[in-house]
Protein backbone atom coordinates (compact mmCIF):
# COMPACT_ATOMS: atom_id res chain seq x y z
CA UNK A 1 0.00 0.00 0.00
CA UNK A 2 2.78 2.43 0.89
CA UNK A 3 4.60 1.81 -2.37
CA UNK A 4 1.56 2.81 -4.44
CA UNK A 5 1.31 6.06 -2.46
CA UNK A 6 4.98 6.75 -3.10
CA UNK A 7 4.48 6.03 -6.80
CA UNK A 8 1.50 8.39 -6.95
CA UNK A 9 3.49 11.14 -5.25
CA UNK A 10 6.36 10.66 -7.70
CA UNK A 11 3.98 10.74 -10.65
CA UNK A 12 2.31 13.89 -9.33
CA UNK A 13 5.67 15.61 -8.91
CA UNK A 14 6.71 14.64 -12.45
CA UNK A 15 3.48 16.13 -13.79
CA UNK A 16 4.19 19.36 -11.88
CA UNK A 17 7.72 19.53 -13.32
CA UNK A 18 6.48 18.91 -16.86
CA UNK A 19 3.82 21.58 -16.52
CA UNK A 20 6.39 24.04 -15.12
CA UNK A 21 8.75 23.34 -18.04
CA UNK A 22 5.95 23.86 -20.58
CA UNK A 23 4.96 27.11 -18.90
CA UNK A 24 8.57 28.34 -18.91
CA UNK A 25 8.89 27.47 -22.60
CA UNK A 26 5.71 29.44 -23.41
CA UNK A 27 6.99 32.42 -21.42
CA UNK A 28 10.33 32.32 -23.22
CA UNK A 29 8.62 32.13 -26.61
CA UNK A 30 6.35 35.07 -25.72
CA UNK A 31 9.36 37.15 -24.60
CA UNK A 32 11.21 36.37 -27.84
CA UNK A 33 8.18 37.40 -29.91
CA UNK A 34 7.90 40.68 -28.02
CA UNK A 35 11.62 41.34 -28.40
CA UNK A 36 11.42 40.75 -32.16
CA UNK A 37 8.61 43.31 -32.40
CA UNK A 38 10.57 45.85 -30.41
CA UNK A 39 13.82 45.42 -32.31
CA UNK A 40 12.23 46.62 -35.57
CA UNK A 41 12.17 50.23 -34.27
CA UNK A 42 15.04 52.59 -34.97
CA UNK A 43 17.77 52.58 -32.34
CA UNK A 44 17.54 55.53 -29.97
CA UNK A 45 13.84 56.15 -30.69
CA UNK A 46 11.23 55.55 -28.01
CA UNK A 47 8.51 53.42 -29.67
CA UNK A 48 5.87 54.93 -27.37
CA UNK A 49 6.35 58.40 -28.82
CA UNK A 50 7.54 57.55 -32.34
CA UNK A 51 5.58 59.47 -34.95
CA UNK A 52 4.27 62.13 -32.59
CA UNK A 53 4.65 65.62 -34.01
CA UNK A 54 5.28 68.44 -31.53
CA UNK A 55 3.21 71.59 -31.70
CA UNK A 56 -0.45 72.27 -32.37
CA UNK A 57 -2.41 69.24 -33.46
CA UNK A 58 -4.94 69.29 -36.32
CA UNK A 59 -8.59 69.64 -35.42
CA UNK A 60 -10.40 66.29 -35.32
CA UNK A 61 -12.73 67.42 -38.13
CA UNK A 62 -9.78 67.83 -40.48
CA UNK A 63 -8.68 64.24 -40.05
PDB file of N, CA and C in Angstrom:
ATOM      1  N   UNK A   1       0.823  -1.183   0.000  1.00  0.00           N
ATOM      2  CA  UNK A   1       0.000   0.000   0.000  1.00  0.00           C
ATOM      3  C   UNK A   1       0.873   1.255   0.000  1.00  0.00           C
ATOM      4  N   UNK A   2       1.920   1.261   0.790  1.00  0.00           N
ATOM      5  CA  UNK A   2       2.781   2.432   0.893  1.00  0.00           C
ATOM      6  C   UNK A   2       3.525   2.680  -0.410  1.00  0.00           C
ATOM      7  N   UNK A   3       3.870   1.614  -1.125  1.00  0.00           N
ATOM      8  CA  UNK A   3       4.600   1.806  -2.375  1.00  0.00           C
ATOM      9  C   UNK A   3       3.730   2.473  -3.439  1.00  0.00           C
ATOM     10  N   UNK A   4       2.439   2.170  -3.454  1.00  0.00           N
ATOM     11  CA  UNK A   4       1.564   2.812  -4.444  1.00  0.00           C
ATOM     12  C   UNK A   4       1.405   4.296  -4.128  1.00  0.00           C
ATOM     13  N   UNK A   5       1.391   4.659  -2.860  1.00  0.00           N
ATOM     14  CA  UNK A   5       1.306   6.058  -2.464  1.00  0.00           C
ATOM     15  C   UNK A   5       2.565   6.798  -2.897  1.00  0.00           C
ATOM     16  N   UNK A   6       3.714   6.164  -2.699  1.00  0.00           N
ATOM     17  CA  UNK A   6       4.982   6.754  -3.102  1.00  0.00           C
ATOM     18  C   UNK A   6       5.012   6.945  -4.613  1.00  0.00           C
ATOM     19  N   UNK A   7       4.531   5.940  -5.347  1.00  0.00           N
ATOM     20  CA  UNK A   7       4.485   6.028  -6.804  1.00  0.00           C
ATOM     21  C   UNK A   7       3.581   7.173  -7.244  1.00  0.00           C
ATOM     22  N   UNK A   8       2.439   7.318  -6.601  1.00  0.00           N
ATOM     23  CA  UNK A   8       1.500   8.394  -6.951  1.00  0.00           C
ATOM     24  C   UNK A   8       2.122   9.766  -6.680  1.00  0.00           C
ATOM     25  N   UNK A   9       2.826   9.876  -5.563  1.00  0.00           N
ATOM     26  CA  UNK A   9       3.490  11.140  -5.248  1.00  0.00           C
ATOM     27  C   UNK A   9       4.543  11.466  -6.305  1.00  0.00           C
ATOM     28  N   UNK A  10       5.306  10.459  -6.688  1.00  0.00           N
ATOM     29  CA  UNK A  10       6.359  10.655  -7.698  1.00  0.00           C
ATOM     30  C   UNK A  10       5.734  11.090  -9.029  1.00  0.00           C
ATOM     31  N   UNK A  11       4.648  10.424  -9.394  1.00  0.00           N
ATOM     32  CA  UNK A  11       3.977  10.742 -10.650  1.00  0.00           C
ATOM     33  C   UNK A  11       3.416  12.174 -10.617  1.00  0.00           C
ATOM     34  N   UNK A  12       2.854  12.551  -9.502  1.00  0.00           N
ATOM     35  CA  UNK A  12       2.307  13.893  -9.331  1.00  0.00           C
ATOM     36  C   UNK A  12       3.413  14.946  -9.461  1.00  0.00           C
ATOM     37  N   UNK A  13       4.545  14.681  -8.849  1.00  0.00           N
ATOM     38  CA  UNK A  13       5.674  15.609  -8.906  1.00  0.00           C
ATOM     39  C   UNK A  13       6.211  15.708 -10.336  1.00  0.00           C
ATOM     40  N   UNK A  14       6.275  14.606 -11.050  1.00  0.00           N
ATOM     41  CA  UNK A  14       6.715  14.640 -12.445  1.00  0.00           C
ATOM     42  C   UNK A  14       5.762  15.480 -13.293  1.00  0.00           C
ATOM     43  N   UNK A  15       4.466  15.338 -13.060  1.00  0.00           N
ATOM     44  CA  UNK A  15       3.477  16.134 -13.785  1.00  0.00           C
ATOM     45  C   UNK A  15       3.673  17.621 -13.503  1.00  0.00           C
ATOM     46  N   UNK A  16       3.940  17.959 -12.249  1.00  0.00           N
ATOM     47  CA  UNK A  16       4.194  19.359 -11.879  1.00  0.00           C
ATOM     48  C   UNK A  16       5.420  19.902 -12.614  1.00  0.00           C
ATOM     49  N   UNK A  17       6.491  19.110 -12.644  1.00  0.00           N
ATOM     50  CA  UNK A  17       7.722  19.529 -13.320  1.00  0.00           C
ATOM     51  C   UNK A  17       7.496  19.725 -14.817  1.00  0.00           C
ATOM     52  N   UNK A  18       6.763  18.792 -15.433  1.00  0.00           N
ATOM     53  CA  UNK A  18       6.477  18.912 -16.865  1.00  0.00           C
ATOM     54  C   UNK A  18       5.660  20.166 -17.155  1.00  0.00           C
ATOM     55  N   UNK A  19       4.666  20.405 -16.326  1.00  0.00           N
ATOM     56  CA  UNK A  19       3.820  21.583 -16.519  1.00  0.00           C
ATOM     57  C   UNK A  19       4.643  22.861 -16.353  1.00  0.00           C
ATOM     58  N   UNK A  20       5.527  22.880 -15.368  1.00  0.00           N
ATOM     59  CA  UNK A  20       6.387  24.042 -15.117  1.00  0.00           C
ATOM     60  C   UNK A  20       7.308  24.288 -16.315  1.00  0.00           C
ATOM     61  N   UNK A  21       7.866  23.212 -16.876  1.00  0.00           N
ATOM     62  CA  UNK A  21       8.748  23.343 -18.039  1.00  0.00           C
ATOM     63  C   UNK A  21       7.990  23.870 -19.254  1.00  0.00           C
ATOM     64  N   UNK A  22       6.770  23.377 -19.464  1.00  0.00           N
ATOM     65  CA  UNK A  22       5.954  23.856 -20.585  1.00  0.00           C
ATOM     66  C   UNK A  22       5.624  25.331 -20.415  1.00  0.00           C
ATOM     67  N   UNK A  23       5.294  25.716 -19.194  1.00  0.00           N
ATOM     68  CA  UNK A  23       4.960  27.107 -18.901  1.00  0.00           C
ATOM     69  C   UNK A  23       6.168  28.013 -19.142  1.00  0.00           C
ATOM     70  N   UNK A  24       7.344  27.567 -18.693  1.00  0.00           N
ATOM     71  CA  UNK A  24       8.574  28.338 -18.911  1.00  0.00           C
ATOM     72  C   UNK A  24       8.870  28.485 -20.400  1.00  0.00           C
ATOM     73  N   UNK A  25       8.638  27.420 -21.158  1.00  0.00           N
ATOM     74  CA  UNK A  25       8.886  27.467 -22.600  1.00  0.00           C
ATOM     75  C   UNK A  25       7.937  28.464 -23.264  1.00  0.00           C
ATOM     76  N   UNK A  26       6.671  28.478 -22.845  1.00  0.00           N
ATOM     77  CA  UNK A  26       5.709  29.438 -23.410  1.00  0.00           C
ATOM     78  C   UNK A  26       6.110  30.868 -23.064  1.00  0.00           C
ATOM     79  N   UNK A  27       6.548  31.079 -21.836  1.00  0.00           N
ATOM     80  CA  UNK A  27       6.986  32.417 -21.421  1.00  0.00           C
ATOM     81  C   UNK A  27       8.178  32.877 -22.255  1.00  0.00           C
ATOM     82  N   UNK A  28       9.130  31.982 -22.443  1.00  0.00           N
ATOM     83  CA  UNK A  28      10.331  32.315 -23.220  1.00  0.00           C
ATOM     84  C   UNK A  28       9.950  32.657 -24.655  1.00  0.00           C
ATOM     85  N   UNK A  29       9.054  31.883 -25.240  1.00  0.00           N
ATOM     86  CA  UNK A  29       8.625  32.130 -26.607  1.00  0.00           C
ATOM     87  C   UNK A  29       7.921  33.491 -26.705  1.00  0.00           C
ATOM     88  N   UNK A  30       7.063  33.801 -25.740  1.00  0.00           N
ATOM     89  CA  UNK A  30       6.346  35.070 -25.725  1.00  0.00           C
ATOM     90  C   UNK A  30       7.330  36.237 -25.628  1.00  0.00           C
ATOM     91  N   UNK A  31       8.338  36.093 -24.753  1.00  0.00           N
ATOM     92  CA  UNK A  31       9.360  37.145 -24.601  1.00  0.00           C
ATOM     93  C   UNK A  31      10.113  37.369 -25.899  1.00  0.00           C
ATOM     94  N   UNK A  32      10.480  36.261 -26.577  1.00  0.00           N
ATOM     95  CA  UNK A  32      11.207  36.369 -27.840  1.00  0.00           C
ATOM     96  C   UNK A  32      10.364  37.065 -28.896  1.00  0.00           C
ATOM     97  N   UNK A  33       9.064  36.760 -28.944  1.00  0.00           N
ATOM     98  CA  UNK A  33       8.182  37.403 -29.913  1.00  0.00           C
ATOM     99  C   UNK A  33       8.081  38.899 -29.633  1.00  0.00           C
ATOM    100  N   UNK A  34       7.968  39.265 -28.377  1.00  0.00           N
ATOM    101  CA  UNK A  34       7.897  40.676 -28.016  1.00  0.00           C
ATOM    102  C   UNK A  34       9.198  41.392 -28.356  1.00  0.00           C
ATOM    103  N   UNK A  35      10.323  40.738 -28.097  1.00  0.00           N
ATOM    104  CA  UNK A  35      11.625  41.338 -28.399  1.00  0.00           C
ATOM    105  C   UNK A  35      11.801  41.550 -29.902  1.00  0.00           C
ATOM    106  N   UNK A  36      11.316  40.605 -30.711  1.00  0.00           N
ATOM    107  CA  UNK A  36      11.417  40.748 -32.160  1.00  0.00           C
ATOM    108  C   UNK A  36      10.612  41.959 -32.624  1.00  0.00           C
ATOM    109  N   UNK A  37       9.450  42.170 -32.039  1.00  0.00           N
ATOM    110  CA  UNK A  37       8.613  43.308 -32.397  1.00  0.00           C
ATOM    111  C   UNK A  37       9.244  44.624 -31.997  1.00  0.00           C
ATOM    112  N   UNK A  38       9.929  44.636 -30.900  1.00  0.00           N
ATOM    113  CA  UNK A  38      10.568  45.854 -30.411  1.00  0.00           C
ATOM    114  C   UNK A  38      11.823  46.188 -31.205  1.00  0.00           C
ATOM    115  N   UNK A  39      12.539  45.190 -31.647  1.00  0.00           N
ATOM    116  CA  UNK A  39      13.817  45.421 -32.312  1.00  0.00           C
ATOM    117  C   UNK A  39      13.649  46.045 -33.692  1.00  0.00           C
ATOM    118  N   UNK A  40      12.433  46.059 -34.242  1.00  0.00           N
ATOM    119  CA  UNK A  40      12.227  46.620 -35.570  1.00  0.00           C
ATOM    120  C   UNK A  40      12.245  48.147 -35.555  1.00  0.00           C
ATOM    121  N   UNK A  41      12.140  48.771 -34.377  1.00  0.00           N
ATOM    122  CA  UNK A  41      12.173  50.226 -34.274  1.00  0.00           C
ATOM    123  C   UNK A  41      13.603  50.731 -34.450  1.00  0.00           C
ATOM    124  N   UNK A  42      13.714  51.994 -34.794  1.00  0.00           N
ATOM    125  CA  UNK A  42      15.036  52.588 -34.965  1.00  0.00           C
ATOM    126  C   UNK A  42      15.741  52.662 -33.615  1.00  0.00           C
ATOM    127  N   UNK A  43      17.047  52.468 -33.606  1.00  0.00           N
ATOM    128  CA  UNK A  43      17.768  52.575 -32.339  1.00  0.00           C
ATOM    129  C   UNK A  43      17.746  54.027 -31.838  1.00  0.00           C
ATOM    130  N   UNK A  44      17.546  54.199 -30.564  1.00  0.00           N
ATOM    131  CA  UNK A  44      17.544  55.534 -29.968  1.00  0.00           C
ATOM    132  C   UNK A  44      16.195  56.219 -30.038  1.00  0.00           C
ATOM    133  N   UNK A  45      15.168  55.557 -30.585  1.00  0.00           N
ATOM    134  CA  UNK A  45      13.840  56.151 -30.693  1.00  0.00           C
ATOM    135  C   UNK A  45      12.901  55.405 -29.757  1.00  0.00           C
ATOM    136  N   UNK A  46      12.202  56.151 -28.925  1.00  0.00           N
ATOM    137  CA  UNK A  46      11.234  55.554 -28.010  1.00  0.00           C
ATOM    138  C   UNK A  46       9.994  55.154 -28.802  1.00  0.00           C
ATOM    139  N   UNK A  47       9.653  53.854 -28.852  1.00  0.00           N
ATOM    140  CA  UNK A  47       8.514  53.421 -29.668  1.00  0.00           C
ATOM    141  C   UNK A  47       7.175  53.974 -29.172  1.00  0.00           C
ATOM    142  N   UNK A  48       7.115  54.380 -27.901  1.00  0.00           N
ATOM    143  CA  UNK A  48       5.868  54.931 -27.373  1.00  0.00           C
ATOM    144  C   UNK A  48       5.557  56.301 -27.955  1.00  0.00           C
ATOM    145  N   UNK A  49       6.586  57.050 -28.320  1.00  0.00           N
ATOM    146  CA  UNK A  49       6.353  58.400 -28.821  1.00  0.00           C
ATOM    147  C   UNK A  49       6.785  58.576 -30.270  1.00  0.00           C
ATOM    148  N   UNK A  50       7.130  57.482 -30.935  1.00  0.00           N
ATOM    149  CA  UNK A  50       7.539  57.554 -32.338  1.00  0.00           C
ATOM    150  C   UNK A  50       6.366  58.039 -33.180  1.00  0.00           C
ATOM    151  N   UNK A  51       6.619  58.980 -34.053  1.00  0.00           N
ATOM    152  CA  UNK A  51       5.584  59.470 -34.952  1.00  0.00           C
ATOM    153  C   UNK A  51       4.763  60.619 -34.399  1.00  0.00           C
ATOM    154  N   UNK A  52       5.006  61.019 -33.173  1.00  0.00           N
ATOM    155  CA  UNK A  52       4.271  62.133 -32.586  1.00  0.00           C
ATOM    156  C   UNK A  52       4.947  63.424 -33.037  1.00  0.00           C
ATOM    157  N   UNK A  53       4.128  64.351 -33.523  1.00  0.00           N
ATOM    158  CA  UNK A  53       4.647  65.621 -34.010  1.00  0.00           C
ATOM    159  C   UNK A  53       4.414  66.682 -32.943  1.00  0.00           C
ATOM    160  N   UNK A  54       5.466  67.407 -32.531  1.00  0.00           N
ATOM    161  CA  UNK A  54       5.277  68.442 -31.529  1.00  0.00           C
ATOM    162  C   UNK A  54       4.537  69.645 -32.124  1.00  0.00           C
ATOM    163  N   UNK A  55       3.910  70.388 -31.257  1.00  0.00           N
ATOM    164  CA  UNK A  55       3.209  71.590 -31.697  1.00  0.00           C
ATOM    165  C   UNK A  55       1.710  71.370 -31.751  1.00  0.00           C
ATOM    166  N   UNK A  56       1.009  72.365 -32.304  1.00  0.00           N
ATOM    167  CA  UNK A  56      -0.454  72.268 -32.369  1.00  0.00           C
ATOM    168  C   UNK A  56      -0.888  71.069 -33.210  1.00  0.00           C
ATOM    169  N   UNK A  57      -1.899  70.401 -32.756  1.00  0.00           N
ATOM    170  CA  UNK A  57      -2.413  69.240 -33.456  1.00  0.00           C
ATOM    171  C   UNK A  57      -3.585  69.650 -34.343  1.00  0.00           C
ATOM    172  N   UNK A  58      -3.802  68.948 -35.453  1.00  0.00           N
ATOM    173  CA  UNK A  58      -4.936  69.293 -36.324  1.00  0.00           C
ATOM    174  C   UNK A  58      -6.256  69.040 -35.617  1.00  0.00           C
ATOM    175  N   UNK A  59      -7.265  69.802 -35.994  1.00  0.00           N
ATOM    176  CA  UNK A  59      -8.595  69.642 -35.421  1.00  0.00           C
ATOM    177  C   UNK A  59      -9.152  68.286 -35.881  1.00  0.00           C
ATOM    178  N   UNK A  60      -9.887  67.621 -35.020  1.00  0.00           N
ATOM    179  CA  UNK A  60     -10.399  66.292 -35.315  1.00  0.00           C
ATOM    180  C   UNK A  60     -11.238  66.265 -36.588  1.00  0.00           C
ATOM    181  N   UNK A  61     -11.898  67.366 -36.932  1.00  0.00           N
ATOM    182  CA  UNK A  61     -12.734  67.420 -38.135  1.00  0.00           C
ATOM    183  C   UNK A  61     -11.896  67.353 -39.398  1.00  0.00           C
ATOM    184  N   UNK A  62     -10.651  67.814 -39.320  1.00  0.00           N
ATOM    185  CA  UNK A  62      -9.779  67.830 -40.478  1.00  0.00           C
ATOM    186  C   UNK A  62      -9.199  66.452 -40.793  1.00  0.00           C
ATOM    187  N   UNK A  63      -9.242  65.576 -39.846  1.00  0.00           N
ATOM    188  CA  UNK A  63      -8.678  64.242 -40.050  1.00  0.00           C
ATOM    189  C   UNK A  63      -9.590  63.502 -40.946  1.00  0.00           C
TER     190      UNK A  63
END
